[in-house]
Every structure is written in C-alpha cells, then in structure tokens.
C-alpha cells in the first residue's frame, strides 16, 4: 500500500502547537519523536496563539502581490525584525517583494510582537 498526498498545506509552528495539544489530549503518552517536537515548539514558539493568528491575518490583509500562504507561515515562524532579515527569509523562494511592502510586513510583526 502506497500512501498518496491528498493535499499539501503549509502550517506555522503555532498551528503545529494547536495540533500537538489535540494529539496530547488523545494520547496519554507522546512518542519519543512527538516529545522532541513538543520540546522544540515550547522553546521557539514565543507568541500566544491569539497573537500569532492576529499577525497572520494582518499580514494577509496587507494583500502584498505574490506573497503566498507558505511565505506568511515562514514569516510567522521566524518573526523578522528588519527588512534585511525578511530579505534573507524570502531569499529561499523565487519571489520579489518591494522594499515598501517588506517594511509593511516588518511593521506588522513589530506591532504584534514588539518584544522580539
């Protein structure tokens, strides 16, 4: 039996945290790999779920051309605080975003997560 991928959707670390909570409720004891994932999430997911959701909505509402869901999720995971950091993040994709739009994204990140 060969499994097939039905759908491929990007998720952020915050989406994964929600899923891990569901799995943890269902299964009393997490497997070793799931435990490592939970440890990673607890260390690197610094925003509250509500803040992460509001930041995702705010970046989506900017309606930046060619900025897709996968890019937004990566921005959520890494929370860049400067245009240079955002450039490094987006450099891995075949995507060009104007400096003005990058600054809008950075302003949104700083507004939701000023302590980062």
N, C-alpha and C. Protein backbone atom coordinates (compact mmCIF):
# COMPACT_ATOMS: atom_id res chain seq x y z
N UNK A 1 0.85 -1.18 0.00
CA UNK A 1 0.00 0.00 0.00
C UNK A 1 0.89 1.24 0.00
N UNK A 2 0.70 2.08 -0.98
CA UNK A 2 1.46 3.31 -1.09
C UNK A 2 0.57 4.51 -0.75
N UNK A 3 0.89 5.22 0.32
CA UNK A 3 0.07 6.39 0.65
C UNK A 3 0.27 7.50 -0.38
N UNK A 4 -0.78 8.25 -0.62
CA UNK A 4 -0.72 9.37 -1.55
C UNK A 4 -0.99 10.65 -0.80
N UNK A 5 -0.36 11.70 -1.23
CA UNK A 5 -0.60 13.02 -0.64
C UNK A 5 -1.88 13.57 -1.25
N UNK A 6 -2.86 13.82 -0.41
CA UNK A 6 -4.14 14.35 -0.87
C UNK A 6 -4.06 15.87 -1.03
N UNK A 7 -3.42 16.49 -0.07
CA UNK A 7 -3.37 17.93 -0.04
C UNK A 7 -2.12 18.36 0.71
N UNK A 8 -1.50 19.39 0.25
CA UNK A 8 -0.30 19.90 0.90
C UNK A 8 -0.54 21.35 1.28
N UNK A 9 -0.62 21.60 2.58
CA UNK A 9 -0.84 22.96 3.06
C UNK A 9 0.23 23.30 4.08
N UNK A 10 0.80 24.48 3.99
CA UNK A 10 1.82 24.88 4.95
C UNK A 10 1.19 25.21 6.31
N UNK A 11 1.92 24.90 7.37
CA UNK A 11 1.47 25.28 8.70
C UNK A 11 2.61 25.98 9.41
N UNK A 12 2.26 26.83 10.34
CA UNK A 12 3.27 27.51 11.14
C UNK A 12 3.52 26.71 12.41
N UNK A 13 4.49 27.14 13.15
CA UNK A 13 4.80 26.48 14.42
C UNK A 13 3.63 26.61 15.39
N UNK A 14 2.85 27.67 15.24
CA UNK A 14 1.70 27.89 16.12
C UNK A 14 0.55 26.95 15.76
N UNK A 15 0.38 26.69 14.46
CA UNK A 15 -0.61 25.70 14.04
C UNK A 15 -0.21 24.31 14.54
N UNK A 16 1.08 24.03 14.49
CA UNK A 16 1.58 22.75 14.96
C UNK A 16 1.37 22.61 16.47
N UNK A 17 1.53 23.71 17.19
CA UNK A 17 1.31 23.67 18.64
C UNK A 17 -0.15 23.30 18.95
N UNK A 18 -1.09 23.86 18.19
CA UNK A 18 -2.50 23.51 18.38
C UNK A 18 -2.74 22.02 18.11
N UNK A 19 -2.16 21.52 17.03
CA UNK A 19 -2.31 20.11 16.68
C UNK A 19 -1.68 19.21 17.74
N UNK A 20 -0.55 19.61 18.27
CA UNK A 20 0.12 18.81 19.30
C UNK A 20 -0.72 18.75 20.57
N UNK A 21 -1.42 19.84 20.90
CA UNK A 21 -2.32 19.82 22.06
C UNK A 21 -3.44 18.80 21.87
N UNK A 22 -3.97 18.74 20.66
CA UNK A 22 -5.03 17.77 20.36
C UNK A 22 -4.50 16.35 20.47
N UNK A 23 -3.32 16.13 19.92
CA UNK A 23 -2.71 14.79 19.97
C UNK A 23 -2.41 14.40 21.41
N UNK A 24 -1.94 15.35 22.19
CA UNK A 24 -1.60 15.08 23.58
C UNK A 24 -2.84 14.72 24.40
N UNK A 25 -3.96 15.36 24.10
CA UNK A 25 -5.21 15.02 24.80
C UNK A 25 -5.66 13.62 24.43
N UNK A 26 -5.50 13.27 23.17
CA UNK A 26 -5.94 11.97 22.69
C UNK A 26 -5.05 10.84 23.18
N UNK A 27 -3.75 11.05 23.13
CA UNK A 27 -2.78 10.03 23.54
C UNK A 27 -2.16 10.46 24.86
N UNK A 28 -2.25 9.63 25.84
CA UNK A 28 -1.71 9.94 27.16
C UNK A 28 -0.21 10.22 27.10
N UNK A 29 0.51 9.34 26.46
CA UNK A 29 1.96 9.46 26.42
C UNK A 29 2.40 9.69 24.98
N UNK A 30 3.21 10.71 24.79
CA UNK A 30 3.69 11.01 23.45
C UNK A 30 4.86 10.10 23.09
N UNK A 31 4.98 9.78 21.84
CA UNK A 31 6.13 9.01 21.36
C UNK A 31 7.37 9.89 21.47
N UNK A 32 8.52 9.28 21.35
CA UNK A 32 9.79 10.00 21.50
C UNK A 32 9.89 11.16 20.53
N UNK A 33 9.56 10.93 19.27
CA UNK A 33 9.67 11.98 18.26
C UNK A 33 8.68 13.11 18.52
N UNK A 34 7.48 12.76 18.92
CA UNK A 34 6.47 13.78 19.23
C UNK A 34 6.89 14.58 20.46
N UNK A 35 7.53 13.93 21.41
CA UNK A 35 8.04 14.64 22.58
C UNK A 35 9.11 15.65 22.21
N UNK A 36 9.98 15.28 21.28
CA UNK A 36 11.01 16.20 20.79
C UNK A 36 10.39 17.39 20.07
N UNK A 37 9.35 17.12 19.28
CA UNK A 37 8.65 18.19 18.57
C UNK A 37 8.02 19.16 19.58
N UNK A 38 7.39 18.61 20.60
CA UNK A 38 6.77 19.45 21.62
C UNK A 38 7.82 20.30 22.35
N UNK A 39 8.96 19.71 22.64
CA UNK A 39 10.04 20.45 23.29
C UNK A 39 10.52 21.60 22.41
N UNK A 40 10.66 21.35 21.12
CA UNK A 40 11.07 22.38 20.16
C UNK A 40 10.05 23.51 20.10
N UNK A 41 8.78 23.14 20.02
CA UNK A 41 7.71 24.14 19.96
C UNK A 41 7.72 25.02 21.20
N UNK A 42 7.83 24.40 22.36
CA UNK A 42 7.83 25.16 23.60
C UNK A 42 9.00 26.12 23.70
N UNK A 43 10.09 25.77 23.06
CA UNK A 43 11.26 26.63 23.11
C UNK A 43 11.19 27.79 22.10
N UNK A 44 10.67 27.53 20.91
CA UNK A 44 10.74 28.52 19.83
C UNK A 44 9.44 29.26 19.53
N UNK A 45 8.31 28.76 19.93
CA UNK A 45 7.04 29.45 19.68
C UNK A 45 6.82 30.47 20.79
N UNK A 46 7.18 31.71 20.53
CA UNK A 46 7.17 32.71 21.60
C UNK A 46 5.89 33.53 21.67
N UNK A 47 5.10 33.51 20.61
CA UNK A 47 3.84 34.27 20.61
C UNK A 47 2.71 33.41 21.18
N UNK A 48 1.70 34.08 21.72
CA UNK A 48 0.48 33.38 22.10
C UNK A 48 -0.26 33.01 20.81
N UNK A 49 -1.11 32.01 20.88
CA UNK A 49 -1.85 31.59 19.70
C UNK A 49 -2.70 32.72 19.13
N UNK A 50 -3.30 33.52 20.00
CA UNK A 50 -4.14 34.63 19.53
C UNK A 50 -3.30 35.70 18.83
N UNK A 51 -2.09 35.98 19.36
CA UNK A 51 -1.21 36.95 18.71
C UNK A 51 -0.73 36.45 17.36
N UNK A 52 -0.41 35.16 17.29
CA UNK A 52 0.02 34.58 16.02
C UNK A 52 -1.09 34.65 14.98
N UNK A 53 -2.32 34.36 15.40
CA UNK A 53 -3.45 34.43 14.48
C UNK A 53 -3.69 35.85 14.00
N UNK A 54 -3.57 36.81 14.91
CA UNK A 54 -3.79 38.20 14.50
C UNK A 54 -2.68 38.69 13.59
N UNK A 55 -1.45 38.26 13.82
CA UNK A 55 -0.34 38.64 12.94
C UNK A 55 -0.53 38.03 11.55
N UNK A 56 -0.93 36.78 11.51
CA UNK A 56 -1.17 36.13 10.22
C UNK A 56 -2.27 36.86 9.45
N UNK A 57 -3.34 37.23 10.14
CA UNK A 57 -4.43 37.96 9.49
C UNK A 57 -3.96 39.33 9.01
N UNK A 58 -3.17 40.00 9.83
CA UNK A 58 -2.70 41.33 9.46
C UNK A 58 -1.79 41.29 8.24
N UNK A 59 -0.90 40.31 8.18
CA UNK A 59 -0.03 40.20 7.01
C UNK A 59 -0.84 39.82 5.77
N UNK A 60 -1.81 38.94 5.94
CA UNK A 60 -2.67 38.56 4.82
C UNK A 60 -3.47 39.76 4.32
N UNK A 61 -3.96 40.58 5.25
CA UNK A 61 -4.76 41.74 4.88
C UNK A 61 -3.95 42.81 4.15
N UNK A 62 -2.62 42.75 4.25
CA UNK A 62 -1.79 43.71 3.52
C UNK A 62 -1.90 43.50 2.01
N UNK A 63 -2.33 42.28 1.61
CA UNK A 63 -2.51 41.92 0.20
C UNK A 63 -1.28 42.26 -0.65
N UNK A 64 -0.14 41.78 -0.19
CA UNK A 64 1.11 42.01 -0.91
C UNK A 64 1.14 41.07 -2.11
N UNK A 65 1.39 41.62 -3.30
CA UNK A 65 1.40 40.77 -4.51
C UNK A 65 2.43 39.65 -4.40
N UNK A 66 2.05 38.47 -4.83
CA UNK A 66 2.87 37.27 -4.89
C UNK A 66 3.25 36.68 -3.53
N UNK A 67 2.85 37.30 -2.43
CA UNK A 67 3.14 36.75 -1.10
C UNK A 67 2.07 35.71 -0.77
N UNK A 68 2.48 34.46 -0.76
CA UNK A 68 1.54 33.35 -0.57
C UNK A 68 1.52 32.90 0.88
N UNK A 69 0.63 31.96 1.14
CA UNK A 69 0.44 31.43 2.49
C UNK A 69 1.72 30.81 3.05
N UNK A 70 2.47 30.12 2.21
CA UNK A 70 3.71 29.49 2.66
C UNK A 70 4.71 30.54 3.13
N UNK A 71 4.76 31.69 2.48
CA UNK A 71 5.67 32.76 2.88
C UNK A 71 5.22 33.38 4.20
N UNK A 72 3.92 33.56 4.34
CA UNK A 72 3.38 34.14 5.57
C UNK A 72 3.66 33.23 6.76
N UNK A 73 3.50 31.91 6.57
CA UNK A 73 3.78 30.96 7.65
C UNK A 73 5.25 31.01 8.04
N UNK A 74 6.14 31.15 7.07
CA UNK A 74 7.57 31.22 7.36
C UNK A 74 7.89 32.51 8.12
N UNK A 75 7.24 33.60 7.76
CA UNK A 75 7.43 34.87 8.49
C UNK A 75 6.96 34.71 9.93
N UNK A 76 5.83 34.04 10.12
CA UNK A 76 5.32 33.79 11.48
C UNK A 76 6.31 32.96 12.30
N UNK A 77 6.90 31.97 11.68
CA UNK A 77 7.85 31.11 12.39
C UNK A 77 9.10 31.86 12.83
N UNK A 78 9.59 32.74 11.97
CA UNK A 78 10.88 33.37 12.23
C UNK A 78 10.81 34.80 12.77
N UNK A 79 9.68 35.46 12.63
CA UNK A 79 9.45 36.82 13.15
C UNK A 79 10.62 37.77 12.87
N UNK A 80 10.84 38.13 11.62
CA UNK A 80 11.93 39.05 11.30
C UNK A 80 11.64 40.44 11.86
N UNK A 81 12.68 41.13 12.31
CA UNK A 81 12.50 42.46 12.89
C UNK A 81 13.14 43.55 12.03
N UNK A 82 13.71 43.18 10.90
CA UNK A 82 14.27 44.17 9.99
C UNK A 82 14.03 43.71 8.55
N UNK A 83 14.13 44.66 7.64
CA UNK A 83 13.94 44.36 6.23
C UNK A 83 15.02 43.38 5.76
N UNK A 84 16.23 43.53 6.29
CA UNK A 84 17.33 42.64 5.91
C UNK A 84 17.03 41.20 6.32
N UNK A 85 16.49 41.00 7.52
CA UNK A 85 16.13 39.66 7.96
C UNK A 85 15.02 39.07 7.09
N UNK A 86 14.05 39.90 6.73
CA UNK A 86 12.96 39.44 5.87
C UNK A 86 13.50 39.06 4.48
N UNK A 87 14.45 39.84 3.98
CA UNK A 87 15.07 39.50 2.69
C UNK A 87 15.73 38.13 2.75
N UNK A 88 16.42 37.85 3.84
CA UNK A 88 17.09 36.55 3.98
C UNK A 88 16.05 35.43 3.99
N UNK A 89 14.95 35.64 4.68
CA UNK A 89 13.90 34.62 4.75
C UNK A 89 13.30 34.37 3.38
N UNK A 90 12.99 35.43 2.65
CA UNK A 90 12.34 35.30 1.35
C UNK A 90 13.32 34.94 0.23
N UNK A 91 14.60 35.02 0.51
CA UNK A 91 15.61 34.71 -0.50
C UNK A 91 15.53 33.25 -0.93
N UNK A 92 15.03 32.40 -0.09
CA UNK A 92 14.91 30.97 -0.41
C UNK A 92 13.79 30.67 -1.39
N UNK A 93 12.99 31.65 -1.71
CA UNK A 93 11.86 31.47 -2.63
C UNK A 93 12.09 32.31 -3.88
N UNK A 94 11.48 31.90 -4.99
CA UNK A 94 11.53 32.73 -6.19
C UNK A 94 10.42 33.76 -6.08
N UNK A 95 10.75 34.82 -5.37
CA UNK A 95 9.76 35.83 -5.03
C UNK A 95 10.44 37.18 -4.91
N UNK A 96 9.84 38.20 -5.48
CA UNK A 96 10.34 39.55 -5.30
C UNK A 96 9.25 40.38 -4.64
N UNK A 97 9.63 41.05 -3.58
CA UNK A 97 8.71 41.91 -2.84
C UNK A 97 9.39 43.27 -2.72
N UNK A 98 8.62 44.33 -2.97
CA UNK A 98 9.19 45.67 -2.90
C UNK A 98 9.61 46.00 -1.48
N UNK A 99 10.54 46.93 -1.37
CA UNK A 99 11.05 47.34 -0.06
C UNK A 99 9.92 47.95 0.78
N UNK A 100 9.01 48.66 0.15
CA UNK A 100 7.87 49.26 0.87
C UNK A 100 6.99 48.17 1.48
N UNK A 101 6.71 47.13 0.69
CA UNK A 101 5.88 46.04 1.20
C UNK A 101 6.60 45.26 2.29
N UNK A 102 7.92 45.11 2.14
CA UNK A 102 8.68 44.44 3.20
C UNK A 102 8.60 45.24 4.50
N UNK A 103 8.67 46.54 4.38
CA UNK A 103 8.58 47.39 5.58
C UNK A 103 7.20 47.28 6.22
N UNK A 104 6.16 47.13 5.42
CA UNK A 104 4.81 46.93 5.96
C UNK A 104 4.74 45.64 6.78
N UNK A 105 5.37 44.59 6.27
CA UNK A 105 5.39 43.31 6.98
C UNK A 105 6.14 43.46 8.30
N UNK A 106 7.29 44.12 8.25
CA UNK A 106 8.09 44.33 9.47
C UNK A 106 7.31 45.14 10.49
N UNK A 107 6.62 46.18 10.04
CA UNK A 107 5.80 46.99 10.95
C UNK A 107 4.71 46.15 11.61
N UNK A 108 4.11 45.27 10.84
CA UNK A 108 3.06 44.39 11.39
C UNK A 108 3.65 43.45 12.44
N UNK A 109 4.82 42.89 12.17
CA UNK A 109 5.47 42.00 13.13
C UNK A 109 5.81 42.76 14.41
N UNK A 110 6.36 43.95 14.26
CA UNK A 110 6.74 44.74 15.44
C UNK A 110 5.52 45.17 16.25
N UNK A 111 4.39 45.37 15.57
CA UNK A 111 3.19 45.78 16.30
C UNK A 111 2.64 44.65 17.15
N UNK A 112 2.64 43.44 16.61
CA UNK A 112 2.09 42.29 17.34
C UNK A 112 3.12 41.73 18.31
N UNK A 113 4.38 41.73 17.94
CA UNK A 113 5.42 41.15 18.78
C UNK A 113 6.54 42.18 19.02
N UNK A 114 6.26 43.23 19.79
CA UNK A 114 7.27 44.28 19.98
C UNK A 114 8.47 43.82 20.78
N UNK A 115 8.33 42.79 21.60
CA UNK A 115 9.43 42.34 22.45
C UNK A 115 10.44 41.45 21.73
N UNK A 116 10.14 41.10 20.48
CA UNK A 116 11.04 40.20 19.74
C UNK A 116 12.27 40.95 19.33
